[in-house]
PDB file of N, CA and C in Angstrom:
ATOM      1  N   MET A   1      -4.423 -42.451  -0.595  1.00  0.00           N
ATOM      2  CA  MET A   1      -5.653 -43.530  -0.754  1.00  0.00           C
ATOM      3  C   MET A   1      -5.834 -44.360  -1.977  1.00  0.00           C
ATOM      4  N   GLN A   2      -5.854 -45.499  -2.027  1.00  0.00           N
ATOM      5  CA  GLN A   2      -6.069 -45.840  -3.495  1.00  0.00           C
ATOM      6  C   GLN A   2      -7.311 -46.690  -3.455  1.00  0.00           C
ATOM      7  N   THR A   3      -7.940 -46.645  -4.477  1.00  0.00           N
ATOM      8  CA  THR A   3      -9.218 -47.587  -4.807  1.00  0.00           C
ATOM      9  C   THR A   3      -8.601 -48.491  -5.801  1.00  0.00           C
ATOM     10  N   ARG A   4     -10.150 -49.533  -5.850  1.00  0.00           N
ATOM     11  CA  ARG A   4      -9.814 -50.291  -7.450  1.00  0.00           C
ATOM     12  C   ARG A   4     -10.320 -49.744  -8.873  1.00  0.00           C
ATOM     13  N   ASN A   5     -10.419 -48.439  -8.770  1.00  0.00           N
ATOM     14  CA  ASN A   5     -10.527 -47.351  -9.853  1.00  0.00           C
ATOM     15  C   ASN A   5      -9.527 -46.490 -10.298  1.00  0.00           C
ATOM     16  N   PRO A   6      -8.877 -46.922 -11.113  1.00  0.00           N
ATOM     17  CA  PRO A   6      -7.845 -45.950 -11.370  1.00  0.00           C
ATOM     18  C   PRO A   6      -7.869 -44.464 -11.886  1.00  0.00           C
ATOM     19  N   VAL A   7      -9.703 -44.034 -12.633  1.00  0.00           N
ATOM     20  CA  VAL A   7      -9.915 -43.105 -12.651  1.00  0.00           C
ATOM     21  C   VAL A   7      -9.954 -42.215 -11.423  1.00  0.00           C
ATOM     22  N   LEU A   8     -10.491 -42.741 -10.675  1.00  0.00           N
ATOM     23  CA  LEU A   8     -10.385 -42.045  -9.222  1.00  0.00           C
ATOM     24  C   LEU A   8      -9.608 -41.587  -8.546  1.00  0.00           C
ATOM     25  N   ASP A   9      -8.591 -42.740  -9.000  1.00  0.00           N
ATOM     26  CA  ASP A   9      -7.419 -42.522  -8.250  1.00  0.00           C
ATOM     27  C   ASP A   9      -6.635 -41.270  -8.741  1.00  0.00           C
ATOM     28  N   ASP A  10      -6.536 -41.421 -10.188  1.00  0.00           N
ATOM     29  CA  ASP A  10      -6.137 -39.989 -11.040  1.00  0.00           C
ATOM     30  C   ASP A  10      -6.601 -38.883 -10.377  1.00  0.00           C
ATOM     31  N   LEU A  11      -8.160 -38.613 -10.439  1.00  0.00           N
ATOM     32  CA  LEU A  11      -9.120 -37.823 -10.051  1.00  0.00           C
ATOM     33  C   LEU A  11      -8.304 -37.012  -8.984  1.00  0.00           C
ATOM     34  N   ALA A  12      -8.438 -38.117  -7.625  1.00  0.00           N
ATOM     35  CA  ALA A  12      -7.731 -37.894  -6.508  1.00  0.00           C
ATOM     36  C   ALA A  12      -6.038 -36.823  -6.585  1.00  0.00           C
ATOM     37  N   ARG A  13      -5.502 -37.473  -7.512  1.00  0.00           N
ATOM     38  CA  ARG A  13      -3.866 -36.743  -7.372  1.00  0.00           C
ATOM     39  C   ARG A  13      -4.279 -35.379  -7.926  1.00  0.00           C
ATOM     40  N   MET A  14      -4.689 -35.270  -9.243  1.00  0.00           N
ATOM     41  CA  MET A  14      -5.060 -34.031  -9.752  1.00  0.00           C
ATOM     42  C   MET A  14      -5.776 -32.697  -8.550  1.00  0.00           C
ATOM     43  N   ALA A  15      -6.542 -33.571  -8.109  1.00  0.00           N
ATOM     44  CA  ALA A  15      -7.106 -32.526  -7.224  1.00  0.00           C
ATOM     45  C   ALA A  15      -6.168 -32.094  -5.649  1.00  0.00           C
ATOM     46  N   SER A  16      -5.228 -33.134  -5.327  1.00  0.00           N
ATOM     47  CA  SER A  16      -4.413 -32.435  -4.590  1.00  0.00           C
ATOM     48  C   SER A  16      -3.482 -31.782  -5.215  1.00  0.00           C
ATOM     49  N   GLY A  17      -2.822 -31.979  -6.209  1.00  0.00           N
ATOM     50  CA  GLY A  17      -2.086 -31.437  -6.846  1.00  0.00           C
ATOM     51  C   GLY A  17      -2.668 -29.631  -7.317  1.00  0.00           C
ATOM     52  N   ALA A  18      -4.160 -29.743  -7.444  1.00  0.00           N
ATOM     53  CA  ALA A  18      -4.681 -28.297  -8.001  1.00  0.00           C
ATOM     54  C   ALA A  18      -4.280 -27.426  -6.953  1.00  0.00           C
ATOM     55  N   ALA A  19      -4.675 -28.005  -5.920  1.00  0.00           N
ATOM     56  CA  ALA A  19      -4.786 -27.536  -4.153  1.00  0.00           C
ATOM     57  C   ALA A  19      -3.906 -26.862  -3.860  1.00  0.00           C
ATOM     58  N   SER A  20      -2.520 -27.510  -3.471  1.00  0.00           N
ATOM     59  CA  SER A  20      -1.282 -27.150  -3.717  1.00  0.00           C
ATOM     60  C   SER A  20      -1.032 -25.973  -4.712  1.00  0.00           C
ATOM     61  N   ALA A  21      -1.502 -26.053  -6.145  1.00  0.00           N
ATOM     62  CA  ALA A  21      -1.191 -25.148  -6.685  1.00  0.00           C
ATOM     63  C   ALA A  21      -1.820 -24.037  -6.376  1.00  0.00           C
ATOM     64  N   PHE A  22      -2.566 -23.976  -6.106  1.00  0.00           N
ATOM     65  CA  PHE A  22      -3.772 -22.463  -5.843  1.00  0.00           C
ATOM     66  C   PHE A  22      -3.013 -22.271  -4.142  1.00  0.00           C
ATOM     67  N   GLY A  23      -2.550 -22.577  -3.779  1.00  0.00           N
ATOM     68  CA  GLY A  23      -1.892 -22.307  -2.454  1.00  0.00           C
ATOM     69  C   GLY A  23      -0.666 -21.595  -2.945  1.00  0.00           C
ATOM     70  N   GLY A  24      -0.096 -22.299  -3.932  1.00  0.00           N
ATOM     71  CA  GLY A  24       1.045 -21.541  -4.349  1.00  0.00           C
ATOM     72  C   GLY A  24       0.594 -20.102  -4.851  1.00  0.00           C
ATOM     73  N   VAL A  25      -0.322 -20.251  -5.770  1.00  0.00           N
ATOM     74  CA  VAL A  25      -0.701 -18.994  -6.601  1.00  0.00           C
ATOM     75  C   VAL A  25      -1.222 -17.953  -5.159  1.00  0.00           C
ATOM     76  N   ARG A  26      -1.906 -18.531  -4.718  1.00  0.00           N
ATOM     77  CA  ARG A  26      -2.409 -17.658  -3.300  1.00  0.00           C
ATOM     78  C   ARG A  26      -1.580 -16.751  -2.907  1.00  0.00           C
ATOM     79  N   GLY A  27      -0.181 -17.360  -2.331  1.00  0.00           N
ATOM     80  CA  GLY A  27       0.595 -16.814  -1.656  1.00  0.00           C
ATOM     81  C   GLY A  27       1.499 -15.774  -2.278  1.00  0.00           C
ATOM     82  N   GLU A  28       1.517 -15.746  -4.153  1.00  0.00           N
ATOM     83  CA  GLU A  28       2.254 -14.830  -5.016  1.00  0.00           C
ATOM     84  C   GLU A  28       1.630 -13.689  -4.916  1.00  0.00           C
ATOM     85  N   ILE A  29      -0.116 -14.090  -5.207  1.00  0.00           N
ATOM     86  CA  ILE A  29      -1.006 -13.292  -4.925  1.00  0.00           C
ATOM     87  C   ILE A  29      -1.020 -11.853  -3.877  1.00  0.00           C
ATOM     88  N   GLU A  30      -0.859 -12.797  -2.757  1.00  0.00           N
ATOM     89  CA  GLU A  30      -0.732 -11.762  -1.723  1.00  0.00           C
ATOM     90  C   GLU A  30       0.280 -10.793  -1.625  1.00  0.00           C
ATOM     91  N   ALA A  31       1.679 -11.848  -2.041  1.00  0.00           N
ATOM     92  CA  ALA A  31       2.425 -10.713  -2.311  1.00  0.00           C
ATOM     93  C   ALA A  31       2.838  -9.359  -3.216  1.00  0.00           C
ATOM     94  N   ARG A  32       2.107 -10.008  -4.271  1.00  0.00           N
ATOM     95  CA  ARG A  32       2.073  -8.713  -5.265  1.00  0.00           C
ATOM     96  C   ARG A  32       0.972  -7.576  -4.804  1.00  0.00           C
ATOM     97  N   LEU A  33       0.219  -7.968  -3.863  1.00  0.00           N
ATOM     98  CA  LEU A  33      -0.952  -6.963  -3.353  1.00  0.00           C
ATOM     99  C   LEU A  33      -0.101  -5.979  -2.191  1.00  0.00           C
ATOM    100  N   ARG A  34       0.600  -6.660  -1.381  1.00  0.00           N
ATOM    101  CA  ARG A  34       1.211  -6.002  -0.078  1.00  0.00           C
ATOM    102  C   ARG A  34       1.952  -4.640  -1.251  1.00  0.00           C
ATOM    103  N   ASP A  35       3.045  -5.811  -1.742  1.00  0.00           N
ATOM    104  CA  ASP A  35       3.673  -4.747  -2.550  1.00  0.00           C
ATOM    105  C   ASP A  35       2.660  -3.389  -3.500  1.00  0.00           C
ATOM    106  N   GLN A  36       2.090  -3.615  -3.873  1.00  0.00           N
ATOM    107  CA  GLN A  36       1.419  -2.597  -4.674  1.00  0.00           C
ATOM    108  C   GLN A  36       0.471  -1.646  -3.634  1.00  0.00           C
ATOM    109  N   LEU A  37       0.347  -2.335  -2.300  1.00  0.00           N
ATOM    110  CA  LEU A  37      -0.219  -1.291  -1.476  1.00  0.00           C
ATOM    111  C   LEU A  37       0.894  -0.230  -1.344  1.00  0.00           C
ATOM    112  N   ALA A  38       1.658  -1.005  -0.731  1.00  0.00           N
ATOM    113  CA  ALA A  38       3.601  -0.160   0.159  1.00  0.00           C
ATOM    114  C   ALA A  38       3.506   0.696  -1.103  1.00  0.00           C
ATOM    115  N   LYS A  39       3.440   0.902  -2.538  1.00  0.00           N
ATOM    116  CA  LYS A  39       3.667   1.621  -3.043  1.00  0.00           C
ATOM    117  C   LYS A  39       2.711   2.911  -3.053  1.00  0.00           C
ATOM    118  N   ILE A  40       1.337   2.299  -3.359  1.00  0.00           N
ATOM    119  CA  ILE A  40       0.002   3.318  -3.439  1.00  0.00           C
ATOM    120  C   ILE A  40       0.734   4.072  -2.246  1.00  0.00           C
ATOM    121  N   LEU A  41       0.936   3.465  -0.682  1.00  0.00           N
ATOM    122  CA  LEU A  41       0.907   4.364   0.218  1.00  0.00           C
ATOM    123  C   LEU A  41       1.937   5.178   0.625  1.00  0.00           C
ATOM    124  N   ASP A  42       3.123   4.645   0.013  1.00  0.00           N
ATOM    125  CA  ASP A  42       4.261   5.640  -0.192  1.00  0.00           C
ATOM    126  C   ASP A  42       4.106   6.772  -0.999  1.00  0.00           C
ATOM    127  N   GLY A  43       3.448   6.809  -2.119  1.00  0.00           N
ATOM    128  CA  GLY A  43       3.138   7.707  -2.927  1.00  0.00           C
ATOM    129  C   GLY A  43       1.603   8.641  -2.658  1.00  0.00           C
ATOM    130  N   MET A  44       1.098   8.325  -1.344  1.00  0.00           N
ATOM    131  CA  MET A  44      -0.024   9.338  -0.518  1.00  0.00           C
ATOM    132  C   MET A  44       0.810  10.566   0.134  1.00  0.00           C
ATOM    133  N   GLU A  45       2.153  10.464   1.006  1.00  0.00           N
ATOM    134  CA  GLU A  45       2.668  11.176   1.548  1.00  0.00           C
ATOM    135  C   GLU A  45       1.470  11.641   2.532  1.00  0.00           C
ATOM    136  N   LEU A  46       1.529  10.602   3.037  1.00  0.00           N
ATOM    137  CA  LEU A  46       0.567  10.634   5.054  1.00  0.00           C
ATOM    138  C   LEU A  46       1.453  11.114   5.704  1.00  0.00           C
ATOM    139  N   PRO A  47       0.297  12.278   6.501  1.00  0.00           N
ATOM    140  CA  PRO A  47       1.003  12.766   7.403  1.00  0.00           C
ATOM    141  C   PRO A  47       1.477  11.533   8.648  1.00  0.00           C
ATOM    142  N   ASN A  48       2.581  12.023   9.593  1.00  0.00           N
ATOM    143  CA  ASN A  48       3.090  11.218  10.702  1.00  0.00           C
ATOM    144  C   ASN A  48       1.990  11.451  11.547  1.00  0.00           C
ATOM    145  N   ARG A  49       2.528  10.779  12.847  1.00  0.00           N
ATOM    146  CA  ARG A  49       1.723  10.800  13.445  1.00  0.00           C
ATOM    147  C   ARG A  49       1.936  12.408  14.542  1.00  0.00           C
ATOM    148  N   GLU A  50       2.718  12.710  14.799  1.00  0.00           N
ATOM    149  CA  GLU A  50       3.213  14.170  15.277  1.00  0.00           C
ATOM    150  C   GLU A  50       2.548  15.361  14.571  1.00  0.00           C
ATOM    151  N   GLU A  51       2.567  15.250  12.819  1.00  0.00           N
ATOM    152  CA  GLU A  51       1.658  16.136  12.517  1.00  0.00           C
ATOM    153  C   GLU A  51       0.562  16.083  12.214  1.00  0.00           C
ATOM    154  N   PHE A  52       0.224  15.093  12.690  1.00  0.00           N
ATOM    155  CA  PHE A  52      -1.543  14.946  12.629  1.00  0.00           C
ATOM    156  C   PHE A  52      -2.062  15.276  14.112  1.00  0.00           C
ATOM    157  N   GLU A  53      -1.293  15.393  15.390  1.00  0.00           N
ATOM    158  CA  GLU A  53      -1.406  16.057  16.212  1.00  0.00           C
ATOM    159  C   GLU A  53      -1.581  17.307  16.029  1.00  0.00           C
ATOM    160  N   VAL A  54      -0.366  17.770  15.679  1.00  0.00           N
ATOM    161  CA  VAL A  54      -0.518  19.455  15.683  1.00  0.00           C
ATOM    162  C   VAL A  54      -1.735  20.051  14.621  1.00  0.00           C
ATOM    163  N   VAL A  55      -2.213  19.462  13.810  1.00  0.00           N
ATOM    164  CA  VAL A  55      -3.448  19.819  13.073  1.00  0.00           C
ATOM    165  C   VAL A  55      -4.406  19.496  13.408  1.00  0.00           C
ATOM    166  N   LYS A  56      -4.634  18.484  14.436  1.00  0.00           N
ATOM    167  CA  LYS A  56      -6.283  18.442  15.462  1.00  0.00           C
ATOM    168  C   LYS A  56      -6.141  18.874  16.502  1.00  0.00           C
ATOM    169  N   ALA A  57      -4.919  19.886  16.753  1.00  0.00           N
ATOM    170  CA  ALA A  57      -5.078  20.589  17.730  1.00  0.00           C
ATOM    171  C   ALA A  57      -5.147  21.995  17.009  1.00  0.00           C
ATOM    172  N   MET A  58      -4.502  22.315  16.460  1.00  0.00           N
ATOM    173  CA  MET A  58      -5.044  23.495  15.600  1.00  0.00           C
ATOM    174  C   MET A  58      -6.356  23.512  14.966  1.00  0.00           C
ATOM    175  N   ALA A  59      -7.047  22.409  14.726  1.00  0.00           N
ATOM    176  CA  ALA A  59      -8.327  21.919  14.152  1.00  0.00           C
ATOM    177  C   ALA A  59      -9.383  22.576  15.563  1.00  0.00           C
ATOM    178  N   VAL A  60      -9.406  21.793  16.513  1.00  0.00           N
ATOM    179  CA  VAL A  60     -10.112  21.818  18.062  1.00  0.00           C
ATOM    180  C   VAL A  60      -9.625  23.653  18.585  1.00  0.00           C
ATOM    181  N   LYS A  61      -8.717  24.363  18.141  1.00  0.00           N
ATOM    182  CA  LYS A  61      -8.270  25.557  18.574  1.00  0.00           C
ATOM    183  C   LYS A  61      -9.312  26.500  17.581  1.00  0.00           C
ATOM    184  N   ALA A  62      -9.447  26.286  16.239  1.00  0.00           N
ATOM    185  CA  ALA A  62     -10.075  27.105  15.490  1.00  0.00           C
ATOM    186  C   ALA A  62     -11.886  26.961  15.357  1.00  0.00           C
ATOM    187  N   ARG A  63     -11.902  26.013  15.923  1.00  0.00           N
ATOM    188  CA  ARG A  63     -13.562  25.508  16.342  1.00  0.00           C
ATOM    189  C   ARG A  63     -13.710  26.128  17.854  1.00  0.00           C
ATOM    190  N   GLU A  64     -13.159  26.109  18.431  1.00  0.00           N
ATOM    191  CA  GLU A  64     -13.108  27.142  19.622  1.00  0.00           C
ATOM    192  C   GLU A  64     -13.704  28.125  19.814  1.00  0.00           C
ATOM    193  N   GLU A  65     -12.504  28.857  18.547  1.00  0.00           N
ATOM    194  CA  GLU A  65     -12.944  30.246  18.235  1.00  0.00           C
ATOM    195  C   GLU A  65     -13.623  30.491  17.324  1.00  0.00           C
ATOM    196  N   ASN A  66     -14.120  29.718  16.828  1.00  0.00           N
ATOM    197  CA  ASN A  66     -15.619  29.805  15.876  1.00  0.00           C
ATOM    198  C   ASN A  66     -16.418  30.033  16.501  1.00  0.00           C
ATOM    199  N   GLU A  67     -16.854  28.835  17.657  1.00  0.00           N
ATOM    200  CA  GLU A  67     -18.128  29.046  18.650  1.00  0.00           C
ATOM    201  C   GLU A  67     -18.124  30.621  19.308  1.00  0.00           C
ATOM    202  N   SER A  68     -16.713  30.527  19.940  1.00  0.00           N
ATOM    203  CA  SER A  68     -17.238  32.030  20.620  1.00  0.00           C
ATOM    204  C   SER A  68     -17.148  33.099  19.421  1.00  0.00           C
ATOM    205  N   LEU A  69     -16.840  33.303  18.332  1.00  0.00           N
ATOM    206  CA  LEU A  69     -17.279  34.259  17.817  1.00  0.00           C
ATOM    207  C   LEU A  69     -18.824  34.424  16.988  1.00  0.00           C
ATOM    208  N   ARG A  70     -19.234  33.102  17.013  1.00  0.00           N
ATOM    209  CA  ARG A  70     -20.579  32.803  16.764  1.00  0.00           C
ATOM    210  C   ARG A  70     -21.802  33.296  17.785  1.00  0.00           C
ATOM    211  N   GLN A  71     -21.282  33.201  18.817  1.00  0.00           N
ATOM    212  CA  GLN A  71     -21.634  33.850  20.323  1.00  0.00           C
ATOM    213  C   GLN A  71     -21.630  35.683  20.295  1.00  0.00           C
ATOM    214  N   ARG A  72     -20.476  35.823  20.236  1.00  0.00           N
ATOM    215  CA  ARG A  72     -20.559  37.385  19.968  1.00  0.00           C
ATOM    216  C   ARG A  72     -21.615  37.730  19.011  1.00  0.00           C
ATOM    217  N   ILE A  73     -21.395  37.320  17.765  1.00  0.00           N
ATOM    218  CA  ILE A  73     -22.339  37.545  16.491  1.00  0.00           C
ATOM    219  C   ILE A  73     -24.060  37.730  17.173  1.00  0.00           C
ATOM    220  N   VAL A  74     -23.939  36.876  17.700  1.00  0.00           N
ATOM    221  CA  VAL A  74     -25.583  36.394  18.429  1.00  0.00           C
ATOM    222  C   VAL A  74     -25.802  37.938  19.351  1.00  0.00           C
ATOM    223  N   GLU A  75     -24.700  37.837  19.829  1.00  0.00           N
ATOM    224  CA  GLU A  75     -25.106  39.349  21.148  1.00  0.00           C
ATOM    225  C   GLU A  75     -24.901  40.364  20.402  1.00  0.00           C
ATOM    226  N   LEU A  76     -24.148  40.581  19.567  1.00  0.00           N
ATOM    227  CA  LEU A  76     -23.969  42.157  18.940  1.00  0.00           C
ATOM    228  C   LEU A  76     -25.658  42.172  17.992  1.00  0.00           C
ATOM    229  N   GLU A  77     -25.940  40.913  17.146  1.00  0.00           N
ATOM    230  CA  GLU A  77     -27.137  41.236  16.785  1.00  0.00           C
ATOM    231  C   GLU A  77     -28.346  41.548  17.257  1.00  0.00           C
ATOM    232  N   SER A  78     -28.251  41.004  18.449  1.00  0.00           N
ATOM    233  CA  SER A  78     -29.225  41.368  19.688  1.00  0.00           C
ATOM    234  C   SER A  78     -29.216  42.753  20.016  1.00  0.00           C
ATOM    235  N   ARG A  79     -28.233  43.165  20.050  1.00  0.00           N
ATOM    236  CA  ARG A  79     -27.889  44.899  20.811  1.00  0.00           C
ATOM    237  C   ARG A  79     -28.266  45.796  19.814  1.00  0.00           C
ATOM    238  N   LEU A  80     -27.656  45.195  18.712  1.00  0.00           N
ATOM    239  CA  LEU A  80     -28.100  45.983  17.014  1.00  0.00           C
ATOM    240  C   LEU A  80     -30.227  46.129  17.298  1.00  0.00           C
ATOM    241  N   ALA A  81     -30.899  44.960  17.437  1.00  0.00           N
ATOM    242  CA  ALA A  81     -31.766  44.843  17.065  1.00  0.00           C
ATOM    243  C   ALA A  81     -32.717  45.543  18.440  1.00  0.00           C
ATOM    244  N   GLN A  82     -32.142  45.607  19.360  1.00  0.00           N
ATOM    245  CA  GLN A  82     -32.668  46.396  20.593  1.00  0.00           C
ATOM    246  C   GLN A  82     -32.643  47.620  20.051  1.00  0.00           C
ATOM    247  N   ALA A  83     -31.322  48.153  19.583  1.00  0.00           N
ATOM    248  CA  ALA A  83     -30.944  49.469  19.599  1.00  0.00           C
ATOM    249  C   ALA A  83     -32.254  50.143  18.297  1.00  0.00           C
ATOM    250  N   ASP A  84     -32.426  49.207  17.407  1.00  0.00           N
ATOM    251  CA  ASP A  84     -33.334  49.373  16.496  1.00  0.00           C
ATOM    252  C   ASP A  84     -35.093  49.677  16.842  1.00  0.00           C
ATOM    253  N   ASP A  85     -35.022  49.008  18.110  1.00  0.00           N
ATOM    254  CA  ASP A  85     -36.081  48.751  18.795  1.00  0.00           C
ATOM    255  C   ASP A  85     -36.490  50.366  18.995  1.00  0.00           C
ATOM    256  N   ARG A  86     -35.769  50.779  19.935  1.00  0.00           N
ATOM    257  CA  ARG A  86     -35.838  52.217  20.640  1.00  0.00           C
ATOM    258  C   ARG A  86     -35.709  53.326  20.026  1.00  0.00           C
ATOM    259  N   THR A  87     -34.805  52.791  18.404  1.00  0.00           N
ATOM    260  CA  THR A  87     -35.158  54.420  17.611  1.00  0.00           C
ATOM    261  C   THR A  87     -36.982  54.774  17.141  1.00  0.00           C
ATOM    262  N   PRO A  88     -36.993  55.798  17.359  1.00  0.00           N
ATOM    263  CA  PRO A  88     -38.422  56.401  17.161  1.00  0.00           C
ATOM    264  C   PRO A  88     -38.524  56.171  15.434  1.00  0.00           C
TER     265      PRO A  88
END
């Protein structure tokens, strides 16, 4: 769009050029960020899905065993307390 004022025309062309330049810069920044993120994730040695599931199953089993042991301790402490009460 052209106006009668050449200064406004020049400003419009500059704004249009700046917008397209920013679009290109944005794409370049996004590409570099993706590359850096990929490098970071590769260096983290994250477990795969199968390894995660195995560890998760182990944790569930350990929690169940822990709860069972906790109940057993409570019962044994109760029996010990009763035995101490009976001792003259």
